[in-house]
Amino acid sequence: MSEMPQMTETPIMNISEMSATEKLVMIFSFYRDAELRGARLLFNLIHHLKDAEAQLKMSRHLADETRHAWLWTKRIADLGAAPVMIDDGYQRRLGLRTGVPKDLIDLLALTVVVEERARSRYMQHAELPNVDEETLKVLKAVTEDESWHLAWIERQMREIAREQGKPERADQALERYRTIDREVWATLAADEAQLMKG
């Protein structure tokens, strides 16, 4: 049995010196990191939503996030590599900018924005030329899940805002987090575009 490659720390990125496989491993490691951090966000959220239906959906959603992390991990392993530990990825940068959400509406809005970004990244990746069949399968699977995640989380957030007598809070929270998301994404987009060139 061959020895598994060891997980490595985030290298200082010199994209021009990376092979096509190394670039893919880095991209998939960023995706994996975002899914793991998303799972952690959901794990915190599950304790705040008490009703049975929300618990059912949240548990399924959490299972999806960890499955997504596994799919990216497996894709990396199939390339003969190990995941790269990402210590400054999208979710970490976003968290540093947003701080700790102050209430349930903010926590749900942040989750919506994170899911929107994930779906957007996956859809853009799938549209690139020369994406291999195995990667396309993973991108399709995770994109379908992200659409479901977005729908139920946003619906839940708006319902809670209405119950609190503050329906406008949902849109306010979404706008705040979307603004921060755009600013954070701008700091990563150029590097990711370079990695996608293969």
N, C-alpha and C. Protein backbone atom coordinates (compact mmCIF):
# COMPACT_ATOMS: atom_id res chain seq x y z
N MET A 1 0.84 -1.18 0.00
CA MET A 1 0.00 0.00 0.00
C MET A 1 0.88 1.24 0.00
N SER A 2 0.61 2.17 -0.90
CA SER A 2 1.45 3.36 -0.99
C SER A 2 1.12 4.31 0.16
N GLU A 3 2.13 5.06 0.53
CA GLU A 3 1.98 6.01 1.64
C GLU A 3 1.21 7.24 1.16
N MET A 4 0.27 7.71 2.00
CA MET A 4 -0.50 8.91 1.64
C MET A 4 0.40 10.14 1.73
N PRO A 5 0.27 11.06 0.80
CA PRO A 5 1.02 12.31 0.91
C PRO A 5 0.59 13.04 2.18
N GLN A 6 1.51 13.76 2.76
CA GLN A 6 1.24 14.50 3.99
C GLN A 6 0.65 15.86 3.65
N MET A 7 -0.29 16.30 4.51
CA MET A 7 -0.88 17.62 4.35
C MET A 7 0.21 18.67 4.54
N THR A 8 0.16 19.69 3.72
CA THR A 8 1.19 20.73 3.82
C THR A 8 0.56 22.05 4.22
N GLU A 9 1.39 22.95 4.72
CA GLU A 9 0.94 24.29 5.07
C GLU A 9 0.77 25.10 3.79
N THR A 10 0.02 26.19 3.89
CA THR A 10 -0.17 27.05 2.73
C THR A 10 1.19 27.56 2.28
N PRO A 11 1.58 27.25 1.05
CA PRO A 11 2.87 27.76 0.58
C PRO A 11 2.74 29.22 0.20
N ILE A 12 3.89 29.89 0.15
CA ILE A 12 3.89 31.24 -0.40
C ILE A 12 3.65 31.04 -1.89
N MET A 13 2.56 31.62 -2.39
CA MET A 13 2.14 31.32 -3.75
C MET A 13 2.99 32.03 -4.78
N ASN A 14 3.73 31.25 -5.55
CA ASN A 14 4.36 31.75 -6.75
C ASN A 14 3.70 30.96 -7.88
N ILE A 15 2.57 31.45 -8.30
CA ILE A 15 1.71 30.71 -9.21
C ILE A 15 2.41 30.37 -10.52
N SER A 16 3.28 31.25 -10.98
CA SER A 16 3.95 31.02 -12.26
C SER A 16 4.85 29.79 -12.23
N GLU A 17 5.29 29.36 -11.05
CA GLU A 17 6.17 28.21 -10.93
C GLU A 17 5.42 26.91 -10.62
N MET A 18 4.10 26.98 -10.49
CA MET A 18 3.32 25.79 -10.14
C MET A 18 2.93 25.00 -11.38
N SER A 19 2.94 23.68 -11.25
CA SER A 19 2.46 22.84 -12.34
C SER A 19 0.93 22.92 -12.39
N ALA A 20 0.36 22.40 -13.47
CA ALA A 20 -1.10 22.41 -13.60
C ALA A 20 -1.74 21.62 -12.46
N THR A 21 -1.14 20.49 -12.08
CA THR A 21 -1.69 19.69 -10.98
C THR A 21 -1.58 20.43 -9.66
N GLU A 22 -0.47 21.08 -9.42
CA GLU A 22 -0.30 21.86 -8.17
C GLU A 22 -1.34 22.98 -8.09
N LYS A 23 -1.64 23.59 -9.21
CA LYS A 23 -2.67 24.63 -9.23
C LYS A 23 -4.04 24.06 -8.87
N LEU A 24 -4.35 22.89 -9.46
CA LEU A 24 -5.63 22.25 -9.13
C LEU A 24 -5.71 21.90 -7.65
N VAL A 25 -4.64 21.36 -7.11
CA VAL A 25 -4.61 21.00 -5.69
C VAL A 25 -4.84 22.24 -4.84
N MET A 26 -4.24 23.34 -5.22
CA MET A 26 -4.43 24.58 -4.46
C MET A 26 -5.89 25.07 -4.54
N ILE A 27 -6.46 25.05 -5.73
CA ILE A 27 -7.86 25.46 -5.89
C ILE A 27 -8.77 24.57 -5.05
N PHE A 28 -8.59 23.25 -5.18
CA PHE A 28 -9.43 22.31 -4.44
C PHE A 28 -9.22 22.45 -2.93
N SER A 29 -8.01 22.81 -2.53
CA SER A 29 -7.74 23.02 -1.10
C SER A 29 -8.48 24.26 -0.59
N PHE A 30 -8.54 25.30 -1.41
CA PHE A 30 -9.33 26.49 -1.04
C PHE A 30 -10.81 26.12 -0.90
N TYR A 31 -11.31 25.35 -1.85
CA TYR A 31 -12.71 24.92 -1.78
C TYR A 31 -12.96 24.09 -0.52
N ARG A 32 -12.05 23.16 -0.26
CA ARG A 32 -12.17 22.29 0.90
C ARG A 32 -12.18 23.11 2.19
N ASP A 33 -11.29 24.06 2.28
CA ASP A 33 -11.21 24.92 3.46
C ASP A 33 -12.52 25.68 3.67
N ALA A 34 -13.08 26.22 2.58
CA ALA A 34 -14.33 26.96 2.69
C ALA A 34 -15.46 26.06 3.16
N GLU A 35 -15.50 24.83 2.67
CA GLU A 35 -16.56 23.90 3.09
C GLU A 35 -16.40 23.53 4.57
N LEU A 36 -15.17 23.30 5.01
CA LEU A 36 -14.95 22.97 6.43
C LEU A 36 -15.32 24.13 7.34
N ARG A 37 -14.95 25.33 6.94
CA ARG A 37 -15.29 26.50 7.75
C ARG A 37 -16.79 26.77 7.71
N GLY A 38 -17.42 26.48 6.56
CA GLY A 38 -18.87 26.59 6.48
C GLY A 38 -19.56 25.61 7.41
N ALA A 39 -19.01 24.41 7.50
CA ALA A 39 -19.56 23.41 8.42
C ALA A 39 -19.45 23.89 9.86
N ARG A 40 -18.35 24.54 10.19
CA ARG A 40 -18.19 25.06 11.55
C ARG A 40 -19.23 26.16 11.84
N LEU A 41 -19.49 27.01 10.87
CA LEU A 41 -20.51 28.05 11.02
C LEU A 41 -21.88 27.41 11.26
N LEU A 42 -22.19 26.37 10.48
CA LEU A 42 -23.47 25.68 10.64
C LEU A 42 -23.57 24.96 11.98
N PHE A 43 -22.46 24.40 12.43
CA PHE A 43 -22.46 23.72 13.71
C PHE A 43 -22.81 24.70 14.83
N ASN A 44 -22.32 25.93 14.72
CA ASN A 44 -22.69 26.97 15.70
C ASN A 44 -24.17 27.34 15.56
N LEU A 45 -24.64 27.39 14.34
CA LEU A 45 -26.02 27.81 14.07
C LEU A 45 -27.04 26.77 14.54
N ILE A 46 -26.69 25.51 14.49
CA ILE A 46 -27.65 24.45 14.80
C ILE A 46 -28.19 24.56 16.23
N HIS A 47 -27.42 25.16 17.11
CA HIS A 47 -27.84 25.31 18.51
C HIS A 47 -28.83 26.45 18.71
N HIS A 48 -29.01 27.27 17.69
CA HIS A 48 -29.89 28.44 17.80
C HIS A 48 -31.27 28.22 17.17
N LEU A 49 -31.38 27.22 16.31
CA LEU A 49 -32.64 26.94 15.63
C LEU A 49 -33.26 25.71 16.28
N LYS A 50 -34.30 25.92 17.08
CA LYS A 50 -34.81 24.86 17.95
C LYS A 50 -35.93 24.02 17.35
N ASP A 51 -36.69 24.56 16.38
CA ASP A 51 -37.85 23.80 15.91
C ASP A 51 -37.42 22.58 15.10
N ALA A 52 -38.30 21.59 15.05
CA ALA A 52 -37.98 20.29 14.47
C ALA A 52 -37.60 20.39 12.99
N GLU A 53 -38.35 21.16 12.22
CA GLU A 53 -38.07 21.27 10.79
C GLU A 53 -36.70 21.90 10.55
N ALA A 54 -36.40 22.95 11.30
CA ALA A 54 -35.10 23.61 11.15
C ALA A 54 -33.97 22.66 11.54
N GLN A 55 -34.18 21.87 12.59
CA GLN A 55 -33.16 20.91 13.01
C GLN A 55 -32.92 19.86 11.92
N LEU A 56 -33.98 19.41 11.28
CA LEU A 56 -33.86 18.44 10.20
C LEU A 56 -33.06 19.02 9.03
N LYS A 57 -33.45 20.22 8.60
CA LYS A 57 -32.77 20.86 7.48
C LYS A 57 -31.33 21.20 7.82
N MET A 58 -31.12 21.72 9.03
CA MET A 58 -29.77 22.09 9.44
C MET A 58 -28.85 20.87 9.50
N SER A 59 -29.37 19.75 9.98
CA SER A 59 -28.55 18.53 10.05
C SER A 59 -28.17 18.04 8.66
N ARG A 60 -29.14 18.09 7.74
CA ARG A 60 -28.85 17.69 6.36
C ARG A 60 -27.83 18.64 5.73
N HIS A 61 -28.02 19.93 5.97
CA HIS A 61 -27.12 20.95 5.44
C HIS A 61 -25.70 20.73 5.96
N LEU A 62 -25.58 20.49 7.27
CA LEU A 62 -24.28 20.24 7.88
C LEU A 62 -23.62 18.99 7.27
N ALA A 63 -24.42 17.96 7.07
CA ALA A 63 -23.90 16.73 6.45
C ALA A 63 -23.41 17.02 5.03
N ASP A 64 -24.13 17.85 4.29
CA ASP A 64 -23.71 18.22 2.94
C ASP A 64 -22.36 18.93 2.96
N GLU A 65 -22.20 19.88 3.88
CA GLU A 65 -20.95 20.64 3.93
C GLU A 65 -19.75 19.74 4.19
N THR A 66 -19.90 18.80 5.13
CA THR A 66 -18.78 17.91 5.42
C THR A 66 -18.55 16.94 4.25
N ARG A 67 -19.63 16.54 3.58
CA ARG A 67 -19.48 15.69 2.38
C ARG A 67 -18.75 16.45 1.29
N HIS A 68 -19.08 17.73 1.13
CA HIS A 68 -18.37 18.54 0.12
C HIS A 68 -16.88 18.60 0.43
N ALA A 69 -16.54 18.81 1.69
CA ALA A 69 -15.12 18.84 2.08
C ALA A 69 -14.46 17.51 1.73
N TRP A 70 -15.19 16.40 1.95
CA TRP A 70 -14.65 15.08 1.61
C TRP A 70 -14.48 14.94 0.10
N LEU A 71 -15.46 15.40 -0.69
CA LEU A 71 -15.35 15.29 -2.14
C LEU A 71 -14.12 16.02 -2.66
N TRP A 72 -13.84 17.20 -2.11
CA TRP A 72 -12.64 17.94 -2.54
C TRP A 72 -11.38 17.24 -2.04
N THR A 73 -11.43 16.69 -0.84
CA THR A 73 -10.28 15.96 -0.31
C THR A 73 -9.99 14.74 -1.19
N LYS A 74 -11.03 14.02 -1.56
CA LYS A 74 -10.87 12.84 -2.41
C LYS A 74 -10.35 13.23 -3.79
N ARG A 75 -10.85 14.33 -4.32
CA ARG A 75 -10.38 14.79 -5.64
C ARG A 75 -8.89 15.10 -5.59
N ILE A 76 -8.44 15.72 -4.50
CA ILE A 76 -7.01 16.01 -4.31
C ILE A 76 -6.22 14.71 -4.21
N ALA A 77 -6.72 13.77 -3.41
CA ALA A 77 -6.04 12.47 -3.25
C ALA A 77 -5.96 11.73 -4.58
N ASP A 78 -7.02 11.83 -5.38
CA ASP A 78 -7.02 11.18 -6.70
C ASP A 78 -5.95 11.75 -7.63
N LEU A 79 -5.53 12.98 -7.35
CA LEU A 79 -4.45 13.59 -8.12
C LEU A 79 -3.08 13.21 -7.57
N GLY A 80 -3.07 12.35 -6.52
CA GLY A 80 -1.82 11.91 -5.93
C GLY A 80 -1.23 12.91 -4.96
N ALA A 81 -2.06 13.79 -4.44
CA ALA A 81 -1.56 14.84 -3.56
C ALA A 81 -2.31 14.80 -2.23
N ALA A 82 -1.98 15.74 -1.37
CA ALA A 82 -2.66 15.91 -0.09
C ALA A 82 -3.18 17.34 -0.03
N PRO A 83 -4.25 17.57 0.72
CA PRO A 83 -4.76 18.94 0.85
C PRO A 83 -3.71 19.88 1.43
N VAL A 84 -3.77 21.10 0.99
CA VAL A 84 -2.91 22.15 1.55
C VAL A 84 -3.72 22.85 2.63
N MET A 85 -3.13 23.03 3.80
CA MET A 85 -3.81 23.77 4.87
C MET A 85 -3.88 25.24 4.46
N ILE A 86 -5.07 25.77 4.43
CA ILE A 86 -5.29 27.16 4.03
C ILE A 86 -5.53 27.98 5.29
N ASP A 87 -4.62 28.88 5.58
CA ASP A 87 -4.81 29.67 6.80
C ASP A 87 -5.25 31.10 6.52
N ASP A 88 -5.45 31.42 5.24
CA ASP A 88 -5.89 32.78 4.91
C ASP A 88 -6.85 32.76 3.73
N GLY A 89 -7.81 31.84 3.77
CA GLY A 89 -8.76 31.71 2.68
C GLY A 89 -9.94 32.66 2.81
N TYR A 90 -10.90 32.46 1.92
CA TYR A 90 -12.08 33.33 1.84
C TYR A 90 -12.82 33.44 3.17
N GLN A 91 -13.18 32.31 3.77
CA GLN A 91 -14.00 32.37 4.98
C GLN A 91 -13.26 33.01 6.14
N ARG A 92 -11.96 32.75 6.24
CA ARG A 92 -11.20 33.38 7.33
C ARG A 92 -11.14 34.89 7.13
N ARG A 93 -10.86 35.31 5.91
CA ARG A 93 -10.81 36.75 5.63
C ARG A 93 -12.17 37.40 5.88
N LEU A 94 -13.22 36.71 5.46
CA LEU A 94 -14.57 37.24 5.67
C LEU A 94 -14.85 37.37 7.17
N GLY A 95 -14.51 36.34 7.93
CA GLY A 95 -14.74 36.37 9.38
C GLY A 95 -13.99 37.49 10.07
N LEU A 96 -12.77 37.75 9.62
CA LEU A 96 -12.00 38.85 10.21
C LEU A 96 -12.67 40.20 9.95
N ARG A 97 -13.30 40.32 8.79
CA ARG A 97 -13.97 41.58 8.45
C ARG A 97 -15.33 41.73 9.11
N THR A 98 -16.07 40.63 9.22
CA THR A 98 -17.44 40.73 9.75
C THR A 98 -17.48 40.73 11.26
N GLY A 99 -16.52 40.08 11.90
CA GLY A 99 -16.59 39.89 13.34
C GLY A 99 -17.65 38.84 13.67
N VAL A 100 -17.94 38.70 14.94
CA VAL A 100 -18.93 37.72 15.39
C VAL A 100 -20.33 38.26 15.12
N PRO A 101 -21.17 37.51 14.40
CA PRO A 101 -22.55 37.98 14.17
C PRO A 101 -23.24 38.24 15.50
N LYS A 102 -24.01 39.36 15.57
CA LYS A 102 -24.57 39.78 16.86
C LYS A 102 -25.90 39.13 17.19
N ASP A 103 -26.57 38.56 16.18
CA ASP A 103 -27.84 37.90 16.46
C ASP A 103 -28.11 36.85 15.39
N LEU A 104 -29.22 36.15 15.53
CA LEU A 104 -29.57 35.06 14.64
C LEU A 104 -29.76 35.53 13.20
N ILE A 105 -30.35 36.70 13.01
CA ILE A 105 -30.54 37.23 11.65
C ILE A 105 -29.18 37.42 10.98
N ASP A 106 -28.23 38.00 11.71
CA ASP A 106 -26.90 38.19 11.15
C ASP A 106 -26.22 36.86 10.84
N LEU A 107 -26.36 35.90 11.72
CA LEU A 107 -25.75 34.59 11.51
C LEU A 107 -26.32 33.90 10.26
N LEU A 108 -27.63 34.00 10.10
CA LEU A 108 -28.27 33.41 8.91
C LEU A 108 -27.89 34.18 7.65
N ALA A 109 -27.84 35.51 7.72
CA ALA A 109 -27.47 36.32 6.56
C ALA A 109 -26.03 36.02 6.13
N LEU A 110 -25.14 35.89 7.09
CA LEU A 110 -23.76 35.54 6.77
C LEU A 110 -23.70 34.17 6.09
N THR A 111 -24.50 33.24 6.56
CA THR A 111 -24.54 31.90 5.95
C THR A 111 -25.04 31.99 4.52
N VAL A 112 -26.06 32.80 4.26
CA VAL A 112 -26.57 32.99 2.90
C VAL A 112 -25.46 33.52 1.99
N VAL A 113 -24.74 34.53 2.45
CA VAL A 113 -23.71 35.16 1.63
C VAL A 113 -22.56 34.18 1.34
N VAL A 114 -22.19 33.40 2.33
CA VAL A 114 -21.14 32.39 2.14
C VAL A 114 -21.59 31.35 1.12
N GLU A 115 -22.84 30.92 1.21
CA GLU A 115 -23.37 29.94 0.25
C GLU A 115 -23.45 30.54 -1.15
N GLU A 116 -23.83 31.81 -1.25
CA GLU A 116 -23.87 32.47 -2.57
C GLU A 116 -22.48 32.48 -3.21
N ARG A 117 -21.47 32.80 -2.41
CA ARG A 117 -20.11 32.85 -2.94
C ARG A 117 -19.66 31.46 -3.39
N ALA A 118 -19.96 30.45 -2.58
CA ALA A 118 -19.57 29.09 -2.95
C ALA A 118 -20.21 28.67 -4.27
N ARG A 119 -21.51 28.91 -4.38
CA ARG A 119 -22.21 28.53 -5.61
C ARG A 119 -21.63 29.27 -6.81
N SER A 120 -21.37 30.56 -6.65
CA SER A 120 -20.81 31.36 -7.74
C SER A 120 -19.44 30.84 -8.17
N ARG A 121 -18.58 30.52 -7.20
CA ARG A 121 -17.25 29.99 -7.52
C ARG A 121 -17.36 28.67 -8.28
N TYR A 122 -18.22 27.79 -7.81
CA TYR A 122 -18.36 26.48 -8.44
C TYR A 122 -18.93 26.60 -9.85
N MET A 123 -19.91 27.47 -10.03
CA MET A 123 -20.51 27.64 -11.36
C MET A 123 -19.50 28.23 -12.34
N GLN A 124 -18.73 29.21 -11.90
CA GLN A 124 -17.71 29.80 -12.77
C GLN A 124 -16.65 28.77 -13.14
N HIS A 125 -16.26 27.97 -12.17
CA HIS A 125 -15.25 26.94 -12.44
C HIS A 125 -15.78 25.94 -13.47
N ALA A 126 -17.01 25.51 -13.32
CA ALA A 126 -17.59 24.52 -14.23
C ALA A 126 -17.68 25.03 -15.66
N GLU A 127 -17.76 26.34 -15.84
CA GLU A 127 -17.88 26.93 -17.17
C GLU A 127 -16.54 27.11 -17.89
N LEU A 128 -15.45 26.88 -17.18
CA LEU A 128 -14.13 27.03 -17.80
C LEU A 128 -13.90 25.94 -18.84
N PRO A 129 -13.10 26.24 -19.86
CA PRO A 129 -12.78 25.20 -20.85
C PRO A 129 -11.84 24.16 -20.22
N ASN A 130 -11.90 22.96 -20.71
CA ASN A 130 -10.97 21.89 -20.35
C ASN A 130 -11.04 21.44 -18.88
N VAL A 131 -12.21 21.57 -18.25
CA VAL A 131 -12.35 21.04 -16.89
C VAL A 131 -12.57 19.54 -17.03
N ASP A 132 -11.76 18.76 -16.31
CA ASP A 132 -11.84 17.31 -16.45
C ASP A 132 -13.17 16.78 -15.90
N GLU A 133 -13.54 15.60 -16.38
CA GLU A 133 -14.85 15.00 -16.07
C GLU A 133 -15.05 14.76 -14.57
N GLU A 134 -14.02 14.30 -13.87
CA GLU A 134 -14.16 14.03 -12.43
C GLU A 134 -14.40 15.32 -11.64
N THR A 135 -13.71 16.38 -12.01
CA THR A 135 -13.91 17.67 -11.35
C THR A 135 -15.30 18.20 -11.65
N LEU A 136 -15.75 18.04 -12.90
CA LEU A 136 -17.11 18.49 -13.26
C LEU A 136 -18.18 17.77 -12.43
N LYS A 137 -17.97 16.48 -12.17
CA LYS A 137 -18.93 15.73 -11.35
C LYS A 137 -19.02 16.33 -9.94
N VAL A 138 -17.87 16.65 -9.36
CA VAL A 138 -17.86 17.24 -8.02
C VAL A 138 -18.51 18.62 -8.05
N LEU A 139 -18.14 19.43 -9.03
CA LEU A 139 -18.71 20.78 -9.14
C LEU A 139 -20.23 20.72 -9.28
N LYS A 140 -20.73 19.80 -10.08
CA LYS A 140 -22.18 19.66 -10.27
C LYS A 140 -22.86 19.26 -8.96
N ALA A 141 -22.29 18.30 -8.27
CA ALA A 141 -22.89 17.83 -7.01
C ALA A 141 -22.94 18.93 -5.97
N VAL A 142 -21.85 19.66 -5.80
CA VAL A 142 -21.83 20.68 -4.75
C VAL A 142 -22.68 21.88 -5.13
N THR A 143 -22.75 22.21 -6.42
CA THR A 143 -23.57 23.35 -6.85
C THR A 143 -25.05 23.08 -6.60
N GLU A 144 -25.49 21.86 -6.90
CA GLU A 144 -26.89 21.51 -6.64
C GLU A 144 -27.23 21.66 -5.16
N ASP A 145 -26.34 21.22 -4.30
CA ASP A 145 -26.56 21.34 -2.86
C ASP A 145 -26.59 22.81 -2.43
N GLU A 146 -25.68 23.61 -2.97
CA GLU A 146 -25.61 25.02 -2.56
C GLU A 146 -26.92 25.74 -2.89
N SER A 147 -27.55 25.40 -4.00
CA SER A 147 -28.82 26.04 -4.36
C SER A 147 -29.90 25.72 -3.32
N TRP A 148 -29.97 24.48 -2.88
CA TRP A 148 -30.92 24.10 -1.84
C TRP A 148 -30.59 24.80 -0.53
N HIS A 149 -29.32 24.84 -0.17
CA HIS A 149 -28.89 25.50 1.07
C HIS A 149 -29.33 26.96 1.08
N LEU A 150 -29.07 27.63 -0.02
CA LEU A 150 -29.42 29.06 -0.12
C LEU A 150 -30.91 29.28 0.10
N ALA A 151 -31.71 28.47 -0.57
CA ALA A 151 -33.16 28.66 -0.51
C ALA A 151 -33.69 28.51 0.91
N TRP A 152 -33.30 27.46 1.62
CA TRP A 152 -33.90 27.23 2.93
C TRP A 152 -33.37 28.19 3.99
N ILE A 153 -32.08 28.53 3.90
CA ILE A 153 -31.51 29.45 4.90
C ILE A 153 -32.11 30.84 4.75
N GLU A 154 -32.23 31.32 3.51
CA GLU A 154 -32.80 32.66 3.33
C GLU A 154 -34.26 32.68 3.76
N ARG A 155 -35.00 31.65 3.43
CA ARG A 155 -36.40 31.57 3.85
C ARG A 155 -36.51 31.60 5.39
N GLN A 156 -35.66 30.85 6.05
CA GLN A 156 -35.64 30.81 7.52
C GLN A 156 -35.32 32.18 8.10
N MET A 157 -34.33 32.84 7.53
CA MET A 157 -33.92 34.17 8.00
C MET A 157 -35.06 35.16 7.88
N ARG A 158 -35.73 35.16 6.73
CA ARG A 158 -36.82 36.12 6.51
C ARG A 158 -38.01 35.82 7.43
N GLU A 159 -38.26 34.55 7.68
CA GLU A 159 -39.35 34.18 8.58
C GLU A 159 -39.06 34.66 10.01
N ILE A 160 -37.86 34.49 10.47
CA ILE A 160 -37.48 34.94 11.82
C ILE A 160 -37.56 36.46 11.91
N ALA A 161 -37.09 37.15 10.86
CA ALA A 161 -37.16 38.62 10.86
C ALA A 161 -38.62 39.09 10.94
N ARG A 162 -39.52 38.43 10.20
CA ARG A 162 -40.94 38.79 10.26
C ARG A 162 -41.51 38.52 11.66
N GLU A 163 -41.17 37.37 12.23
CA GLU A 163 -41.65 37.02 13.57
C GLU A 163 -41.19 38.04 14.62
N GLN A 164 -40.03 38.61 14.40
CA GLN A 164 -39.50 39.62 15.32
C GLN A 164 -40.09 41.01 15.04
N GLY A 165 -40.93 41.09 14.01
CA GLY A 165 -41.53 42.38 13.66
C GLY A 165 -40.57 43.33 12.97
N LYS A 166 -39.48 42.78 12.41
CA LYS A 166 -38.46 43.60 11.74
C LYS A 166 -38.09 42.97 10.39
N PRO A 167 -39.04 42.88 9.47
CA PRO A 167 -38.73 42.20 8.20
C PRO A 167 -37.60 42.86 7.42
N GLU A 168 -37.41 44.16 7.63
CA GLU A 168 -36.34 44.88 6.92
C GLU A 168 -34.95 44.46 7.37
N ARG A 169 -34.84 43.89 8.56
CA ARG A 169 -33.55 43.46 9.10
C ARG A 169 -32.87 42.43 8.20
N ALA A 170 -33.67 41.57 7.56
CA ALA A 170 -33.10 40.55 6.69
C ALA A 170 -32.34 41.20 5.53
N ASP A 171 -32.99 42.16 4.85
CA ASP A 171 -32.33 42.83 3.72
C ASP A 171 -31.14 43.65 4.18
N GLN A 172 -31.26 44.30 5.33
CA GLN A 172 -30.15 45.09 5.85
C GLN A 172 -28.93 44.21 6.13
N ALA A 173 -29.17 43.07 6.77
CA ALA A 173 -28.07 42.17 7.10
C ALA A 173 -27.44 41.59 5.83
N LEU A 174 -28.29 41.20 4.88
CA LEU A 174 -27.75 40.67 3.62
C LEU A 174 -26.90 41.71 2.90
N GLU A 175 -27.37 42.94 2.85
CA GLU A 175 -26.61 43.98 2.15
C GLU A 175 -25.27 44.22 2.83
N ARG A 176 -25.28 44.25 4.17
CA ARG A 176 -24.02 44.46 4.90
C ARG A 176 -23.02 43.36 4.57
N TYR A 177 -23.46 42.10 4.66
CA TYR A 177 -22.54 40.99 4.43
C TYR A 177 -22.15 40.85 2.95
N ARG A 178 -23.06 41.19 2.04
CA ARG A 178 -22.70 41.13 0.62
C ARG A 178 -21.65 42.19 0.28
N THR A 179 -21.75 43.35 0.90
CA THR A 179 -20.74 44.40 0.68
C THR A 179 -19.37 43.93 1.16
N ILE A 180 -19.34 43.36 2.35
CA ILE A 180 -18.07 42.85 2.88
C ILE A 180 -17.56 41.70 2.01
N ASP A 181 -18.45 40.83 1.58
CA ASP A 181 -18.07 39.71 0.72
C ASP A 181 -17.39 40.21 -0.55
N ARG A 182 -17.97 41.21 -1.20
CA ARG A 182 -17.38 41.73 -2.44
C ARG A 182 -15.98 42.29 -2.18
N GLU A 183 -15.80 42.97 -1.07
CA GLU A 183 -14.49 43.53 -0.73
C GLU A 183 -13.47 42.43 -0.47
N VAL A 184 -13.89 41.42 0.28
CA VAL A 184 -13.00 40.30 0.60
C VAL A 184 -12.68 39.52 -0.67
N TRP A 185 -13.69 39.24 -1.48
CA TRP A 185 -13.47 38.47 -2.69
C TRP A 185 -12.49 39.16 -3.62
N ALA A 186 -12.53 40.48 -3.66
CA ALA A 186 -11.61 41.23 -4.51
C ALA A 186 -10.15 40.96 -4.13
N THR A 187 -9.90 40.62 -2.87
CA THR A 187 -8.53 40.35 -2.43
C THR A 187 -8.07 38.95 -2.85
N LEU A 188 -8.98 38.08 -3.25
CA LEU A 188 -8.65 36.70 -3.62
C LEU A 188 -8.84 36.41 -5.10
N ALA A 189 -9.68 37.17 -5.76
CA ALA A 189 -10.11 36.84 -7.12
C ALA A 189 -8.96 36.75 -8.11
N ALA A 190 -7.99 37.65 -8.03
CA ALA A 190 -6.88 37.65 -9.00
C ALA A 190 -6.05 36.38 -8.88
N ASP A 191 -5.72 35.99 -7.65
CA ASP A 191 -4.94 34.76 -7.45
C ASP A 191 -5.72 33.55 -7.94
N GLU A 192 -7.00 33.49 -7.63
CA GLU A 192 -7.79 32.33 -8.06
C GLU A 192 -7.89 32.29 -9.59
N ALA A 193 -8.02 33.44 -10.22
CA ALA A 193 -8.09 33.47 -11.68
C ALA A 193 -6.78 32.94 -12.29
N GLN A 194 -5.64 33.30 -11.69
CA GLN A 194 -4.36 32.80 -12.16
C GLN A 194 -4.26 31.28 -11.99
N LEU A 195 -4.74 30.78 -10.86
CA LEU A 195 -4.72 29.34 -10.62
C LEU A 195 -5.60 28.60 -11.63
N MET A 196 -6.71 29.21 -12.01
CA MET A 196 -7.64 28.57 -12.93
C MET A 196 -7.10 28.45 -14.35
N LYS A 197 -6.06 29.22 -14.66
CA LYS A 197 -5.51 29.17 -16.02
C LYS A 197 -4.82 27.84 -16.31
N GLY A 198 -4.47 27.10 -15.26
CA GLY A 198 -3.91 25.76 -15.46
C GLY A 198 -2.53 25.70 -15.99
